[in-house]
PDB file of N, CA and C in Angstrom:
ATOM      1  N   UNK A   1      18.272  13.046  -3.221  1.00  0.00           N
ATOM      2  CA  UNK A   1      17.099  13.456  -2.793  1.00  0.00           C
ATOM      3  C   UNK A   1      17.641  13.635  -0.886  1.00  0.00           C
ATOM      4  N   UNK A   2      17.120  14.824  -0.487  1.00  0.00           N
ATOM      5  CA  UNK A   2      17.054  15.154   0.906  1.00  0.00           C
ATOM      6  C   UNK A   2      15.975  14.603   1.591  1.00  0.00           C
ATOM      7  N   UNK A   3      16.502  14.247   2.738  1.00  0.00           N
ATOM      8  CA  UNK A   3      15.258  13.870   3.492  1.00  0.00           C
ATOM      9  C   UNK A   3      14.317  15.195   4.000  1.00  0.00           C
ATOM     10  N   UNK A   4      12.816  14.965   4.304  1.00  0.00           N
ATOM     11  CA  UNK A   4      12.498  16.345   4.851  1.00  0.00           C
ATOM     12  C   UNK A   4      12.662  16.217   6.128  1.00  0.00           C
ATOM     13  N   UNK A   5      12.290  17.171   7.255  1.00  0.00           N
ATOM     14  CA  UNK A   5      12.606  17.052   8.428  1.00  0.00           C
ATOM     15  C   UNK A   5      11.012  16.223   9.041  1.00  0.00           C
ATOM     16  N   UNK A   6      10.969  15.467  10.237  1.00  0.00           N
ATOM     17  CA  UNK A   6       9.999  14.651  10.939  1.00  0.00           C
ATOM     18  C   UNK A   6       8.727  15.626  10.817  1.00  0.00           C
ATOM     19  N   UNK A   7       7.810  15.274  10.716  1.00  0.00           N
ATOM     20  CA  UNK A   7       6.248  15.777  10.384  1.00  0.00           C
ATOM     21  C   UNK A   7       6.228  17.185   9.899  1.00  0.00           C
ATOM     22  N   UNK A   8       7.183  17.278   8.918  1.00  0.00           N
ATOM     23  CA  UNK A   8       7.354  18.688   8.328  1.00  0.00           C
ATOM     24  C   UNK A   8       6.155  18.807   7.093  1.00  0.00           C
ATOM     25  N   UNK A   9       5.005  18.352   7.097  1.00  0.00           N
ATOM     26  CA  UNK A   9       3.869  18.333   6.335  1.00  0.00           C
ATOM     27  C   UNK A   9       2.919  18.348   6.862  1.00  0.00           C
ATOM     28  N   UNK A  10       2.284  19.782   6.836  1.00  0.00           N
ATOM     29  CA  UNK A  10       1.096  20.207   7.951  1.00  0.00           C
ATOM     30  C   UNK A  10      -0.354  20.314   7.131  1.00  0.00           C
ATOM     31  N   UNK A  11      -1.136  19.722   7.582  1.00  0.00           N
ATOM     32  CA  UNK A  11      -2.628  19.788   6.800  1.00  0.00           C
ATOM     33  C   UNK A  11      -3.786  20.088   7.589  1.00  0.00           C
ATOM     34  N   UNK A  12      -4.033  21.390   7.766  1.00  0.00           N
ATOM     35  CA  UNK A  12      -5.073  21.908   8.762  1.00  0.00           C
ATOM     36  C   UNK A  12      -6.708  21.383   8.421  1.00  0.00           C
ATOM     37  N   UNK A  13      -7.139  21.474   9.395  1.00  0.00           N
ATOM     38  CA  UNK A  13      -8.827  20.724   9.191  1.00  0.00           C
ATOM     39  C   UNK A  13      -9.245  21.312  10.600  1.00  0.00           C
ATOM     40  N   UNK A  14     -10.462  21.951  10.450  1.00  0.00           N
ATOM     41  CA  UNK A  14     -11.336  23.004  11.067  1.00  0.00           C
ATOM     42  C   UNK A  14     -12.645  22.022  11.205  1.00  0.00           C
ATOM     43  N   UNK A  15     -13.273  22.465  12.500  1.00  0.00           N
ATOM     44  CA  UNK A  15     -14.415  22.097  12.954  1.00  0.00           C
ATOM     45  C   UNK A  15     -15.395  23.040  13.270  1.00  0.00           C
ATOM     46  N   UNK A  16     -16.291  23.001  12.030  1.00  0.00           N
ATOM     47  CA  UNK A  16     -17.258  24.261  12.470  1.00  0.00           C
ATOM     48  C   UNK A  16     -18.757  23.914  12.121  1.00  0.00           C
ATOM     49  N   UNK A  17     -19.716  23.778  13.257  1.00  0.00           N
ATOM     50  CA  UNK A  17     -19.365  23.653  14.483  1.00  0.00           C
ATOM     51  C   UNK A  17     -18.353  22.855  14.853  1.00  0.00           C
ATOM     52  N   UNK A  18     -18.013  23.296  16.028  1.00  0.00           N
ATOM     53  CA  UNK A  18     -17.461  21.964  17.053  1.00  0.00           C
ATOM     54  C   UNK A  18     -18.235  20.957  17.378  1.00  0.00           C
ATOM     55  N   UNK A  19     -17.605  19.509  17.539  1.00  0.00           N
ATOM     56  CA  UNK A  19     -18.510  18.505  17.711  1.00  0.00           C
ATOM     57  C   UNK A  19     -17.238  17.514  18.470  1.00  0.00           C
ATOM     58  N   UNK A  20     -17.172  17.285  19.566  1.00  0.00           N
ATOM     59  CA  UNK A  20     -16.565  16.164  20.252  1.00  0.00           C
ATOM     60  C   UNK A  20     -16.656  14.871  19.375  1.00  0.00           C
ATOM     61  N   UNK A  21     -17.973  14.511  19.006  1.00  0.00           N
ATOM     62  CA  UNK A  21     -18.371  12.941  18.614  1.00  0.00           C
ATOM     63  C   UNK A  21     -17.241  13.334  17.206  1.00  0.00           C
ATOM     64  N   UNK A  22     -17.502  14.437  16.126  1.00  0.00           N
ATOM     65  CA  UNK A  22     -16.769  14.353  15.356  1.00  0.00           C
ATOM     66  C   UNK A  22     -15.315  14.448  14.811  1.00  0.00           C
ATOM     67  N   UNK A  23     -14.721  15.162  16.070  1.00  0.00           N
ATOM     68  CA  UNK A  23     -13.439  14.739  16.294  1.00  0.00           C
ATOM     69  C   UNK A  23     -12.684  13.882  16.478  1.00  0.00           C
ATOM     70  N   UNK A  24     -13.510  12.524  17.763  1.00  0.00           N
ATOM     71  CA  UNK A  24     -13.331  11.635  17.583  1.00  0.00           C
ATOM     72  C   UNK A  24     -13.355  10.570  16.626  1.00  0.00           C
ATOM     73  N   UNK A  25     -14.200  10.903  15.992  1.00  0.00           N
ATOM     74  CA  UNK A  25     -14.510  10.078  14.909  1.00  0.00           C
ATOM     75  C   UNK A  25     -13.334  10.174  13.797  1.00  0.00           C
ATOM     76  N   UNK A  26     -13.029  11.269  13.308  1.00  0.00           N
ATOM     77  CA  UNK A  26     -12.023  11.348  12.476  1.00  0.00           C
ATOM     78  C   UNK A  26     -10.782  11.073  13.574  1.00  0.00           C
ATOM     79  N   UNK A  27     -10.603  11.099  14.125  1.00  0.00           N
ATOM     80  CA  UNK A  27      -9.023  10.216  14.727  1.00  0.00           C
ATOM     81  C   UNK A  27      -9.179   9.062  14.699  1.00  0.00           C
ATOM     82  N   UNK A  28     -10.153   8.436  14.916  1.00  0.00           N
ATOM     83  CA  UNK A  28     -10.871   6.949  14.731  1.00  0.00           C
ATOM     84  C   UNK A  28     -10.351   6.446  13.484  1.00  0.00           C
ATOM     85  N   UNK A  29     -10.634   7.422  12.406  1.00  0.00           N
ATOM     86  CA  UNK A  29     -10.846   7.040  10.958  1.00  0.00           C
ATOM     87  C   UNK A  29      -9.303   6.943  10.614  1.00  0.00           C
ATOM     88  N   UNK A  30      -8.564   7.919  10.846  1.00  0.00           N
ATOM     89  CA  UNK A  30      -6.989   8.143  10.658  1.00  0.00           C
ATOM     90  C   UNK A  30      -6.397   7.116  10.960  1.00  0.00           C
ATOM     91  N   UNK A  31      -6.558   6.576  12.487  1.00  0.00           N
ATOM     92  CA  UNK A  31      -5.373   6.090  12.834  1.00  0.00           C
ATOM     93  C   UNK A  31      -5.938   4.364  12.010  1.00  0.00           C
ATOM     94  N   UNK A  32      -7.015   4.308  11.523  1.00  0.00           N
ATOM     95  CA  UNK A  32      -7.251   2.852  10.592  1.00  0.00           C
ATOM     96  C   UNK A  32      -6.289   3.309   9.337  1.00  0.00           C
ATOM     97  N   UNK A  33      -6.433   4.486   8.860  1.00  0.00           N
ATOM     98  CA  UNK A  33      -5.982   4.917   7.705  1.00  0.00           C
ATOM     99  C   UNK A  33      -4.515   4.561   7.598  1.00  0.00           C
ATOM    100  N   UNK A  34      -3.843   5.229   8.979  1.00  0.00           N
ATOM    101  CA  UNK A  34      -2.081   5.513   8.829  1.00  0.00           C
ATOM    102  C   UNK A  34      -1.719   4.741  10.295  1.00  0.00           C
ATOM    103  N   UNK A  35      -2.380   4.359  11.210  1.00  0.00           N
ATOM    104  CA  UNK A  35      -1.613   3.444  12.259  1.00  0.00           C
ATOM    105  C   UNK A  35      -2.043   4.599  13.508  1.00  0.00           C
ATOM    106  N   UNK A  36      -1.836   4.130  14.424  1.00  0.00           N
ATOM    107  CA  UNK A  36      -1.770   5.085  15.639  1.00  0.00           C
ATOM    108  C   UNK A  36      -0.641   6.037  15.647  1.00  0.00           C
ATOM    109  N   UNK A  37      -1.083   7.687  15.932  1.00  0.00           N
ATOM    110  CA  UNK A  37      -0.824   8.861  16.157  1.00  0.00           C
ATOM    111  C   UNK A  37       0.359   8.781  16.883  1.00  0.00           C
ATOM    112  N   UNK A  38       1.692   9.818  16.705  1.00  0.00           N
ATOM    113  CA  UNK A  38       2.567   9.764  17.861  1.00  0.00           C
ATOM    114  C   UNK A  38       3.586   9.906  17.425  1.00  0.00           C
ATOM    115  N   UNK A  39       4.464  10.300  18.271  1.00  0.00           N
ATOM    116  CA  UNK A  39       6.141  10.983  17.823  1.00  0.00           C
ATOM    117  C   UNK A  39       7.312   9.864  17.203  1.00  0.00           C
ATOM    118  N   UNK A  40       6.718   8.379  17.353  1.00  0.00           N
ATOM    119  CA  UNK A  40       7.671   7.296  16.824  1.00  0.00           C
ATOM    120  C   UNK A  40       6.826   7.092  15.871  1.00  0.00           C
ATOM    121  N   UNK A  41       5.453   7.605  15.121  1.00  0.00           N
ATOM    122  CA  UNK A  41       4.666   7.151  14.198  1.00  0.00           C
ATOM    123  C   UNK A  41       4.701   8.047  12.861  1.00  0.00           C
ATOM    124  N   UNK A  42       4.262   7.624  11.835  1.00  0.00           N
ATOM    125  CA  UNK A  42       4.152   8.529  10.438  1.00  0.00           C
ATOM    126  C   UNK A  42       3.466   9.950  10.650  1.00  0.00           C
ATOM    127  N   UNK A  43       2.711   9.852  11.988  1.00  0.00           N
ATOM    128  CA  UNK A  43       1.487  11.264  11.643  1.00  0.00           C
ATOM    129  C   UNK A  43       1.315  11.315  13.279  1.00  0.00           C
ATOM    130  N   UNK A  44       1.253  12.591  13.247  1.00  0.00           N
ATOM    131  CA  UNK A  44       0.902  12.909  14.782  1.00  0.00           C
ATOM    132  C   UNK A  44      -0.482  14.484  14.564  1.00  0.00           C
ATOM    133  N   UNK A  45      -1.115  14.916  15.448  1.00  0.00           N
ATOM    134  CA  UNK A  45      -1.712  16.168  15.037  1.00  0.00           C
ATOM    135  C   UNK A  45      -1.292  16.986  16.575  1.00  0.00           C
ATOM    136  N   UNK A  46      -2.044  18.069  16.442  1.00  0.00           N
ATOM    137  CA  UNK A  46      -2.339  19.023  17.676  1.00  0.00           C
ATOM    138  C   UNK A  46      -3.427  19.705  17.242  1.00  0.00           C
ATOM    139  N   UNK A  47      -3.836  20.922  18.367  1.00  0.00           N
ATOM    140  CA  UNK A  47      -4.742  21.351  18.324  1.00  0.00           C
ATOM    141  C   UNK A  47      -4.352  22.874  18.483  1.00  0.00           C
ATOM    142  N   UNK A  48      -4.769  24.070  17.323  1.00  0.00           N
ATOM    143  CA  UNK A  48      -4.368  25.119  17.427  1.00  0.00           C
ATOM    144  C   UNK A  48      -5.110  26.399  17.981  1.00  0.00           C
ATOM    145  N   UNK A  49      -4.483  27.041  18.638  1.00  0.00           N
ATOM    146  CA  UNK A  49      -5.247  28.211  19.445  1.00  0.00           C
ATOM    147  C   UNK A  49      -6.195  28.874  18.449  1.00  0.00           C
ATOM    148  N   UNK A  50      -7.261  28.806  19.020  1.00  0.00           N
ATOM    149  CA  UNK A  50      -8.514  30.022  18.289  1.00  0.00           C
ATOM    150  C   UNK A  50      -8.673  31.043  18.809  1.00  0.00           C
ATOM    151  N   UNK A  51      -7.776  31.621  19.502  1.00  0.00           N
ATOM    152  CA  UNK A  51      -8.078  33.031  20.485  1.00  0.00           C
ATOM    153  C   UNK A  51      -9.019  33.962  19.323  1.00  0.00           C
ATOM    154  N   UNK A  52      -9.684  34.787  19.605  1.00  0.00           N
ATOM    155  CA  UNK A  52     -10.698  35.377  18.950  1.00  0.00           C
ATOM    156  C   UNK A  52     -11.166  34.802  17.541  1.00  0.00           C
ATOM    157  N   UNK A  53     -11.276  33.680  18.077  1.00  0.00           N
ATOM    158  CA  UNK A  53     -12.325  32.598  16.747  1.00  0.00           C
ATOM    159  C   UNK A  53     -13.411  32.468  17.464  1.00  0.00           C
ATOM    160  N   UNK A  54     -14.519  31.844  17.257  1.00  0.00           N
ATOM    161  CA  UNK A  54     -15.947  31.752  17.372  1.00  0.00           C
ATOM    162  C   UNK A  54     -15.667  30.589  18.984  1.00  0.00           C
ATOM    163  N   UNK A  55     -16.527  29.923  19.524  1.00  0.00           N
ATOM    164  CA  UNK A  55     -16.607  29.424  20.613  1.00  0.00           C
ATOM    165  C   UNK A  55     -17.021  28.105  20.074  1.00  0.00           C
ATOM    166  N   UNK A  56     -17.882  27.840  19.230  1.00  0.00           N
ATOM    167  CA  UNK A  56     -18.306  26.210  18.098  1.00  0.00           C
ATOM    168  C   UNK A  56     -17.037  26.429  17.397  1.00  0.00           C
ATOM    169  N   UNK A  57     -15.961  26.503  17.158  1.00  0.00           N
ATOM    170  CA  UNK A  57     -14.800  26.391  16.461  1.00  0.00           C
ATOM    171  C   UNK A  57     -13.908  25.313  17.299  1.00  0.00           C
ATOM    172  N   UNK A  58     -13.383  24.724  15.971  1.00  0.00           N
ATOM    173  CA  UNK A  58     -12.015  23.512  16.701  1.00  0.00           C
ATOM    174  C   UNK A  58     -11.278  23.552  15.556  1.00  0.00           C
ATOM    175  N   UNK A  59     -10.091  23.875  15.687  1.00  0.00           N
ATOM    176  CA  UNK A  59      -8.863  23.798  14.644  1.00  0.00           C
ATOM    177  C   UNK A  59      -7.750  22.565  15.028  1.00  0.00           C
ATOM    178  N   UNK A  60      -7.400  21.754  14.189  1.00  0.00           N
ATOM    179  CA  UNK A  60      -6.405  20.691  14.321  1.00  0.00           C
ATOM    180  C   UNK A  60      -5.229  21.052  13.201  1.00  0.00           C
ATOM    181  N   UNK A  61      -4.058  20.847  13.542  1.00  0.00           N
ATOM    182  CA  UNK A  61      -3.039  20.320  12.410  1.00  0.00           C
ATOM    183  C   UNK A  61      -3.234  18.910  12.367  1.00  0.00           C
ATOM    184  N   UNK A  62      -2.932  18.048  11.636  1.00  0.00           N
ATOM    185  CA  UNK A  62      -2.407  17.262  11.115  1.00  0.00           C
ATOM    186  C   UNK A  62      -1.075  17.096  10.546  1.00  0.00           C
ATOM    187  N   UNK A  63       0.196  16.518  11.242  1.00  0.00           N
ATOM    188  CA  UNK A  63       1.109  16.431  10.912  1.00  0.00           C
ATOM    189  C   UNK A  63       1.836  14.875  10.305  1.00  0.00           C
ATOM    190  N   UNK A  64       2.323  15.124   8.942  1.00  0.00           N
ATOM    191  CA  UNK A  64       2.900  13.704   8.944  1.00  0.00           C
ATOM    192  C   UNK A  64       4.561  13.651   8.156  1.00  0.00           C
ATOM    193  N   UNK A  65       4.981  12.551   8.196  1.00  0.00           N
ATOM    194  CA  UNK A  65       6.332  12.307   7.854  1.00  0.00           C
ATOM    195  C   UNK A  65       6.462  12.591   6.229  1.00  0.00           C
ATOM    196  N   UNK A  66       5.122  11.552   5.771  1.00  0.00           N
ATOM    197  CA  UNK A  66       5.420  11.327   4.682  1.00  0.00           C
ATOM    198  C   UNK A  66       4.808  12.242   3.925  1.00  0.00           C
ATOM    199  N   UNK A  67       5.288  13.230   2.419  1.00  0.00           N
ATOM    200  CA  UNK A  67       4.441  14.120   1.899  1.00  0.00           C
ATOM    201  C   UNK A  67       3.053  13.189   1.276  1.00  0.00           C
ATOM    202  N   UNK A  68       3.231  12.086   0.557  1.00  0.00           N
ATOM    203  CA  UNK A  68       2.270  11.204   0.220  1.00  0.00           C
ATOM    204  C   UNK A  68       0.878  11.084   1.294  1.00  0.00           C
ATOM    205  N   UNK A  69       1.491  10.589   2.636  1.00  0.00           N
ATOM    206  CA  UNK A  69       0.334  10.611   3.280  1.00  0.00           C
ATOM    207  C   UNK A  69      -0.559  11.864   3.741  1.00  0.00           C
ATOM    208  N   UNK A  70       0.074  13.232   3.595  1.00  0.00           N
ATOM    209  CA  UNK A  70      -0.712  14.655   3.829  1.00  0.00           C
ATOM    210  C   UNK A  70      -1.688  14.484   2.648  1.00  0.00           C
ATOM    211  N   UNK A  71      -1.012  14.199   1.266  1.00  0.00           N
ATOM    212  CA  UNK A  71      -1.618  14.608   0.567  1.00  0.00           C
ATOM    213  C   UNK A  71      -2.558  13.484   0.248  1.00  0.00           C
ATOM    214  N   UNK A  72      -2.863  11.996   0.747  1.00  0.00           N
ATOM    215  CA  UNK A  72      -4.125  11.346   0.974  1.00  0.00           C
ATOM    216  C   UNK A  72      -5.048  11.483   2.020  1.00  0.00           C
ATOM    217  N   UNK A  73      -4.445  12.062   3.305  1.00  0.00           N
ATOM    218  CA  UNK A  73      -5.370  12.884   4.067  1.00  0.00           C
ATOM    219  C   UNK A  73      -6.224  13.835   3.394  1.00  0.00           C
ATOM    220  N   UNK A  74      -5.568  14.791   2.792  1.00  0.00           N
ATOM    221  CA  UNK A  74      -6.413  15.903   2.402  1.00  0.00           C
ATOM    222  C   UNK A  74      -7.316  15.468   0.972  1.00  0.00           C
ATOM    223  N   UNK A  75      -6.713  14.757   0.504  1.00  0.00           N
ATOM    224  CA  UNK A  75      -8.087  14.267  -0.827  1.00  0.00           C
ATOM    225  C   UNK A  75      -9.255  13.364  -0.212  1.00  0.00           C
ATOM    226  N   UNK A  76      -8.835  12.901   0.777  1.00  0.00           N
ATOM    227  CA  UNK A  76      -9.942  11.982   1.677  1.00  0.00           C
ATOM    228  C   UNK A  76     -10.625  12.492   2.887  1.00  0.00           C
ATOM    229  N   UNK A  77     -10.031  13.512   3.353  1.00  0.00           N
ATOM    230  CA  UNK A  77     -10.624  13.737   4.776  1.00  0.00           C
ATOM    231  C   UNK A  77     -11.513  15.677   4.340  1.00  0.00           C
ATOM    232  N   UNK A  78     -10.675  16.050   3.738  1.00  0.00           N
ATOM    233  CA  UNK A  78     -11.097  17.315   3.469  1.00  0.00           C
ATOM    234  C   UNK A  78     -11.820  17.637   2.987  1.00  0.00           C
ATOM    235  N   UNK A  79     -13.161  18.676   3.238  1.00  0.00           N
ATOM    236  CA  UNK A  79     -14.339  18.863   2.432  1.00  0.00           C
ATOM    237  C   UNK A  79     -14.019  20.003   1.664  1.00  0.00           C
TER     238      UNK A  79
END
């Protein structure tokens, strides 16, 4: 069985309309489920450039080392 590259499992999450409180609350909940984010942890996140999109839209990519974590995140948090 071959190993995956670190953080090779990506799940996109869109906030429409953008709400700082919703972003903060989601990050807090995900940290409770998967531990704190970071390069030495099992997950991390990054914001995606939204050039040409509406000003009330915010997109984040959640990156996971383990594909099962990515699936669990999707099942629990995606609408």
